[in-house]
Protein backbone atom coordinates (compact mmCIF):
# COMPACT_ATOMS: atom_id res chain seq x y z
CA UNK A 1 1.10 11.01 44.16
CA UNK A 2 3.55 11.24 41.26
CA UNK A 3 2.37 7.90 39.85
CA UNK A 4 -1.28 8.90 40.19
CA UNK A 5 -0.56 12.17 38.40
CA UNK A 6 1.17 10.32 35.54
CA UNK A 7 -1.79 7.95 35.20
CA UNK A 8 -4.23 10.88 35.03
CA UNK A 9 -2.06 12.66 32.45
CA UNK A 10 -1.87 9.51 30.34
CA UNK A 11 -5.65 9.05 30.48
CA UNK A 12 -6.20 12.68 29.48
CA UNK A 13 -3.75 12.28 26.59
CA UNK A 14 -5.52 9.15 25.36
CA UNK A 15 -8.91 10.88 25.61
CA UNK A 16 -7.61 13.85 23.63
CA UNK A 17 -6.15 11.57 20.94
CA UNK A 18 -9.45 9.72 20.68
CA UNK A 19 -11.30 13.02 20.19
CA UNK A 20 -8.81 14.12 17.52
CA UNK A 21 -9.13 10.79 15.72
CA UNK A 22 -12.91 11.13 15.90
CA UNK A 23 -12.75 14.52 14.20
CA UNK A 24 -10.39 13.05 11.59
CA UNK A 25 -12.80 10.19 10.91
CA UNK A 26 -15.74 12.59 10.46
CA UNK A 27 -13.64 14.79 8.21
CA UNK A 28 -12.56 11.76 6.13
CA UNK A 29 -16.20 10.72 5.58
CA UNK A 30 -17.06 14.24 4.42
CA UNK A 31 -14.04 14.31 2.07
CA UNK A 32 -15.03 10.90 0.69
CA UNK A 33 -18.54 12.12 -0.09
CA UNK A 34 -17.43 15.41 -1.64
CA UNK A 35 -14.68 13.89 -3.79
CA UNK A 36 -16.95 11.08 -4.97
CA UNK A 37 -19.67 13.55 -6.00
CA UNK A 38 -17.02 15.59 -7.82
CA UNK A 39 -15.68 12.56 -9.71
CA UNK A 40 -19.08 10.94 -10.36
CA UNK A 41 -19.68 12.77 -13.70
CA UNK A 42 -16.25 11.63 -14.89
CA UNK A 43 -16.98 8.03 -13.87
CA UNK A 44 -20.15 8.17 -15.95
CA UNK A 45 -18.04 8.54 -19.12
CA UNK A 46 -16.98 4.85 -19.22
CA UNK A 47 -20.53 3.91 -18.19
CA UNK A 48 -21.95 5.69 -21.24
CA UNK A 49 -18.97 4.81 -23.47
CA UNK A 50 -17.98 1.23 -22.53
CA UNK A 51 -15.08 1.17 -25.01
CA UNK A 52 -13.40 3.82 -22.85
CA UNK A 53 -13.15 1.33 -19.98
CA UNK A 54 -9.50 2.27 -19.39
CA UNK A 55 -10.79 5.56 -17.94
CA UNK A 56 -12.12 3.63 -14.93
CA UNK A 57 -8.55 3.04 -13.77
CA UNK A 58 -7.49 6.59 -14.64
CA UNK A 59 -10.33 8.23 -12.68
CA UNK A 60 -9.95 5.79 -9.77
CA UNK A 61 -6.30 6.80 -9.56
CA UNK A 62 -7.13 10.50 -9.61
CA UNK A 63 -9.82 10.06 -6.97
CA UNK A 64 -7.61 7.94 -4.69
CA UNK A 65 -4.77 10.47 -4.85
CA UNK A 66 -7.08 13.39 -4.06
CA UNK A 67 -8.91 11.55 -1.29
CA UNK A 68 -5.78 10.30 0.50
CA UNK A 69 -4.03 13.66 0.14
CA UNK A 70 -6.95 15.58 1.63
CA UNK A 71 -7.26 13.20 4.61
CA UNK A 72 -3.51 13.52 5.24
CA UNK A 73 -2.52 9.89 4.63
CA UNK A 74 0.85 9.64 2.82
CA UNK A 75 1.14 6.73 0.39
CA UNK A 76 3.68 4.87 -1.71
CA UNK A 77 3.37 2.39 -4.57
CA UNK A 78 6.28 -0.05 -4.76
CA UNK A 79 6.59 -2.19 -7.89
CA UNK A 80 9.09 -5.03 -7.55
CA UNK A 81 9.22 -5.35 -11.33
CA UNK A 82 8.08 -3.28 -14.30
CA UNK A 83 4.66 -4.44 -15.45
CA UNK A 84 3.73 -4.55 -19.12
CA UNK A 85 0.72 -2.30 -19.71
CA UNK A 86 -0.06 -4.28 -22.87
CA UNK A 87 -0.63 -7.49 -20.90
CA UNK A 88 -3.57 -8.57 -18.76
CA UNK A 89 -3.13 -9.26 -15.05
CA UNK A 90 -5.17 -10.27 -12.04
CA UNK A 91 -4.08 -8.34 -8.93
CA UNK A 92 -4.53 -10.18 -5.64
CA UNK A 93 -4.05 -8.05 -2.48
CA UNK A 94 -4.56 -8.97 1.16
CA UNK A 95 -7.66 -7.33 2.67
CA UNK A 96 -7.69 -6.07 6.28
CA UNK A 97 -9.19 -2.56 6.00
CA UNK A 98 -11.74 -0.47 4.11
CA UNK A 99 -8.79 1.70 3.07
CA UNK A 100 -7.63 -1.16 0.82
CA UNK A 101 -10.07 -0.02 -1.89
CA UNK A 102 -8.64 3.51 -2.34
CA UNK A 103 -5.17 1.97 -1.88
CA UNK A 104 -5.71 -0.30 -4.87
CA UNK A 105 -7.23 2.62 -6.77
CA UNK A 106 -3.67 4.01 -6.85
CA UNK A 107 -2.56 1.15 -9.12
CA UNK A 108 -0.74 2.47 -12.21
CA UNK A 109 -2.18 -0.40 -14.26
CA UNK A 110 -5.80 0.44 -15.12
CA UNK A 111 -8.04 -2.20 -13.52
CA UNK A 112 -11.60 -2.93 -12.47
CA UNK A 113 -12.64 -4.49 -9.16
CA UNK A 114 -14.36 -7.80 -8.57
CA UNK A 115 -16.13 -7.29 -5.24
CA UNK A 116 -19.10 -8.16 -3.06
CA UNK A 117 -22.58 -7.25 -4.29
CA UNK A 118 -23.24 -5.50 -0.95
CA UNK A 119 -21.54 -2.45 -2.48
CA UNK A 120 -24.52 -2.07 -4.82
CA UNK A 121 -26.69 -0.99 -1.87
CA UNK A 122 -24.71 2.21 -1.25
CA UNK A 123 -26.68 5.14 -2.76
CA UNK A 124 -25.15 6.53 -5.98
CA UNK A 125 -21.82 4.79 -5.29
CA UNK A 126 -23.55 1.42 -5.69
CA UNK A 127 -24.93 2.37 -9.09
CA UNK A 128 -21.49 3.39 -10.32
CA UNK A 129 -19.84 0.31 -8.81
CA UNK A 130 -22.32 -2.08 -10.43
CA UNK A 131 -21.93 -0.44 -13.85
CA UNK A 132 -18.12 -0.23 -13.91
CA UNK A 133 -17.00 -3.22 -11.87
CA UNK A 134 -18.00 -6.87 -11.36
CA UNK A 135 -20.03 -7.84 -8.31
CA UNK A 136 -20.62 -11.20 -6.68
CA UNK A 137 -22.92 -12.63 -4.03
CA UNK A 138 -20.63 -15.20 -2.44
CA UNK A 139 -23.58 -16.97 -0.82
CA UNK A 140 -24.99 -17.84 -4.25
CA UNK A 141 -23.41 -20.52 -6.42
CA UNK A 142 -25.19 -19.06 -9.46
CA UNK A 143 -23.79 -15.59 -8.73
CA UNK A 144 -20.26 -16.94 -8.25
CA UNK A 145 -20.40 -18.75 -11.58
CA UNK A 146 -21.84 -15.68 -13.31
CA UNK A 147 -19.01 -13.59 -11.85
CA UNK A 148 -16.47 -16.08 -13.21
CA UNK A 149 -18.00 -15.78 -16.69
CA UNK A 150 -18.06 -11.97 -16.51
CA UNK A 151 -14.46 -11.93 -15.29
CA UNK A 152 -13.34 -14.04 -18.26
CA UNK A 153 -15.27 -11.78 -20.64
CA UNK A 154 -13.67 -8.68 -19.06
CA UNK A 155 -10.21 -10.14 -19.70
CA UNK A 156 -11.16 -10.90 -23.31
CA UNK A 157 -12.09 -7.21 -23.59
CA UNK A 158 -8.60 -6.24 -22.43
CA UNK A 159 -9.40 -5.37 -18.81
CA UNK A 160 -7.24 -6.09 -15.76
CA UNK A 161 -8.93 -7.39 -12.62
CA UNK A 162 -8.50 -6.51 -8.96
CA UNK A 163 -9.69 -9.36 -6.74
CA UNK A 164 -9.30 -9.66 -2.97
CA UNK A 165 -8.66 -13.42 -2.76
CA UNK A 166 -9.79 -13.68 0.87
CA UNK A 167 -13.28 -12.76 -0.32
CA UNK A 168 -13.65 -9.79 2.03
CA UNK A 169 -12.36 -8.55 5.38
CA UNK A 170 -12.69 -11.90 7.13
CA UNK A 171 -9.65 -12.25 9.37
CA UNK A 172 -10.06 -11.72 13.12
CA UNK A 173 -6.33 -11.42 13.76
CA UNK A 174 -4.57 -9.19 11.20
CA UNK A 175 -1.98 -9.29 9.77
CA UNK A 176 -2.86 -12.99 9.45
CA UNK A 177 -4.82 -13.72 6.29
CA UNK A 178 -7.71 -16.14 5.91
CA UNK A 179 -7.85 -18.94 3.34
CA UNK A 180 -7.97 -17.76 -0.28
CA UNK A 181 -11.06 -18.34 -2.42
CA UNK A 182 -10.78 -19.99 -5.85
CA UNK A 183 -12.19 -17.27 -8.13
CA UNK A 184 -9.09 -15.23 -9.00
CA UNK A 185 -6.96 -18.32 -9.58
CA UNK A 186 -9.53 -20.22 -11.60
CA UNK A 187 -9.95 -17.17 -13.86
CA UNK A 188 -6.18 -16.70 -14.22
CA UNK A 189 -5.69 -20.33 -15.26
CA UNK A 190 -8.69 -20.31 -17.58
CA UNK A 191 -7.36 -17.22 -19.41
CA UNK A 192 -3.66 -18.14 -18.94
CA UNK A 193 -2.74 -14.72 -17.50
CA UNK A 194 -0.43 -13.82 -14.62
CA UNK A 195 -1.37 -13.29 -10.99
CA UNK A 196 0.21 -10.25 -9.29
CA UNK A 197 0.39 -10.76 -5.50
CA UNK A 198 -0.04 -7.44 -3.68
CA UNK A 199 0.89 -6.76 -0.07
CA UNK A 200 -0.76 -3.90 1.83
CA UNK A 201 1.08 -4.06 5.16
CA UNK A 202 -0.16 -1.06 7.14
CA UNK A 203 -3.80 -0.29 6.34
CA UNK A 204 -5.09 -2.41 9.21
CA UNK A 205 -3.11 -0.12 11.52
CA UNK A 206 -4.31 3.09 9.86
CA UNK A 207 -7.97 2.03 9.86
CA UNK A 208 -8.72 -1.31 11.55
CA UNK A 209 -11.89 -3.11 10.52
CA UNK A 210 -13.05 -2.87 14.16
CA UNK A 211 -12.77 0.94 14.28
CA UNK A 212 -13.63 4.02 12.25
CA UNK A 213 -11.00 6.10 14.04
CA UNK A 214 -7.94 6.37 11.74
CA UNK A 215 -4.36 6.43 13.01
CA UNK A 216 -1.44 8.30 11.48
CA UNK A 217 0.80 5.98 9.43
CA UNK A 218 2.17 5.86 5.90
CA UNK A 219 0.24 3.69 3.46
CA UNK A 220 2.30 1.33 1.34
CA UNK A 221 1.25 -0.94 -1.53
CA UNK A 222 3.78 -3.54 -2.72
CA UNK A 223 3.29 -5.15 -6.14
CA UNK A 224 5.27 -8.40 -6.39
CA UNK A 225 6.66 -10.15 -9.43
CA UNK A 226 4.04 -11.82 -11.66
CA UNK A 227 3.23 -15.48 -11.09
CA UNK A 228 2.73 -16.92 -14.57
CA UNK A 229 -0.03 -19.43 -15.33
CA UNK A 230 0.92 -20.43 -18.88
CA UNK A 231 0.51 -24.18 -19.23
CA UNK A 232 -1.26 -24.56 -15.87
CA UNK A 233 -4.54 -26.44 -15.54
CA UNK A 234 -7.20 -26.42 -12.83
CA UNK A 235 -5.29 -29.26 -11.17
CA UNK A 236 -2.56 -26.69 -10.44
CA UNK A 237 -4.96 -24.24 -8.77
CA UNK A 238 -4.21 -25.25 -5.13
CA UNK A 239 -0.46 -24.79 -5.73
CA UNK A 240 -1.08 -21.42 -7.43
CA UNK A 241 -3.17 -20.24 -4.48
CA UNK A 242 -0.56 -21.40 -2.00
CA UNK A 243 2.29 -19.69 -3.86
CA UNK A 244 0.37 -16.40 -3.99
CA UNK A 245 -0.51 -16.71 -0.30
CA UNK A 246 3.11 -17.35 0.65
CA UNK A 247 4.43 -14.35 -1.31
CA UNK A 248 2.02 -11.96 0.44
CA UNK A 249 2.36 -13.59 3.86
CA UNK A 250 6.15 -13.52 3.71
CA UNK A 251 6.07 -9.77 3.00
CA UNK A 252 3.61 -9.15 5.82
CA UNK A 253 5.94 -10.90 8.25
CA UNK A 254 8.84 -8.68 7.17
CA UNK A 255 6.90 -5.67 8.42
CA UNK A 256 5.94 -7.13 11.79
CA UNK A 257 8.63 -5.14 13.62
CA UNK A 258 7.10 -1.93 12.25
CA UNK A 259 3.64 -2.48 13.73
């Protein structure tokens, strides 16, 4: 009888937690919509005034802070070295959760995203995303090449890039990453600028790709030391990809006992 009672209590507790998480998820969607509508006029400033592109990073940072604060997710940026705001970088984070986008919006170095063209289909948000960031249809060779050219042009204009090197949320067994795509590394070598590996160790726990029910956990974003590309050629691209992969993967493994 005692064991049966404990089983029933446990089931009731799990059901209650699922209901609470469901309310949290609904609340988070509402907060996302409200905060985006609030910030949309601000995001139109760099659309109308392209030379003010640095404001994209500033407003993304403001939005991310407000959004995460109002949905009660604590966060922390950890920089393993001081980054030079006068230099260009390509940031390469692992990608296991939809929360990775607001997480990278917290970056203190103003950046634009290079992401999938599917984002363009989202009403209003898609318009803003297409105008301020760089999109790519990974199924199209022409689109991938056009994205490479636009990425190089963006760097020439002084912009920093945020590229998820896995090409999307593709892994079926986080925190294991999938193979990295070439784009970020080809661009970095072409423009001779540093890659910044970024580890986001907990977002797949907070909001797994397989669920829209968030869990309570602190968000952490770890910016590693730059990997320089000066003097590298395209022949060095596989080694550059592997080094970036190993830096992120090594950090993910350090956090395994916290999952």
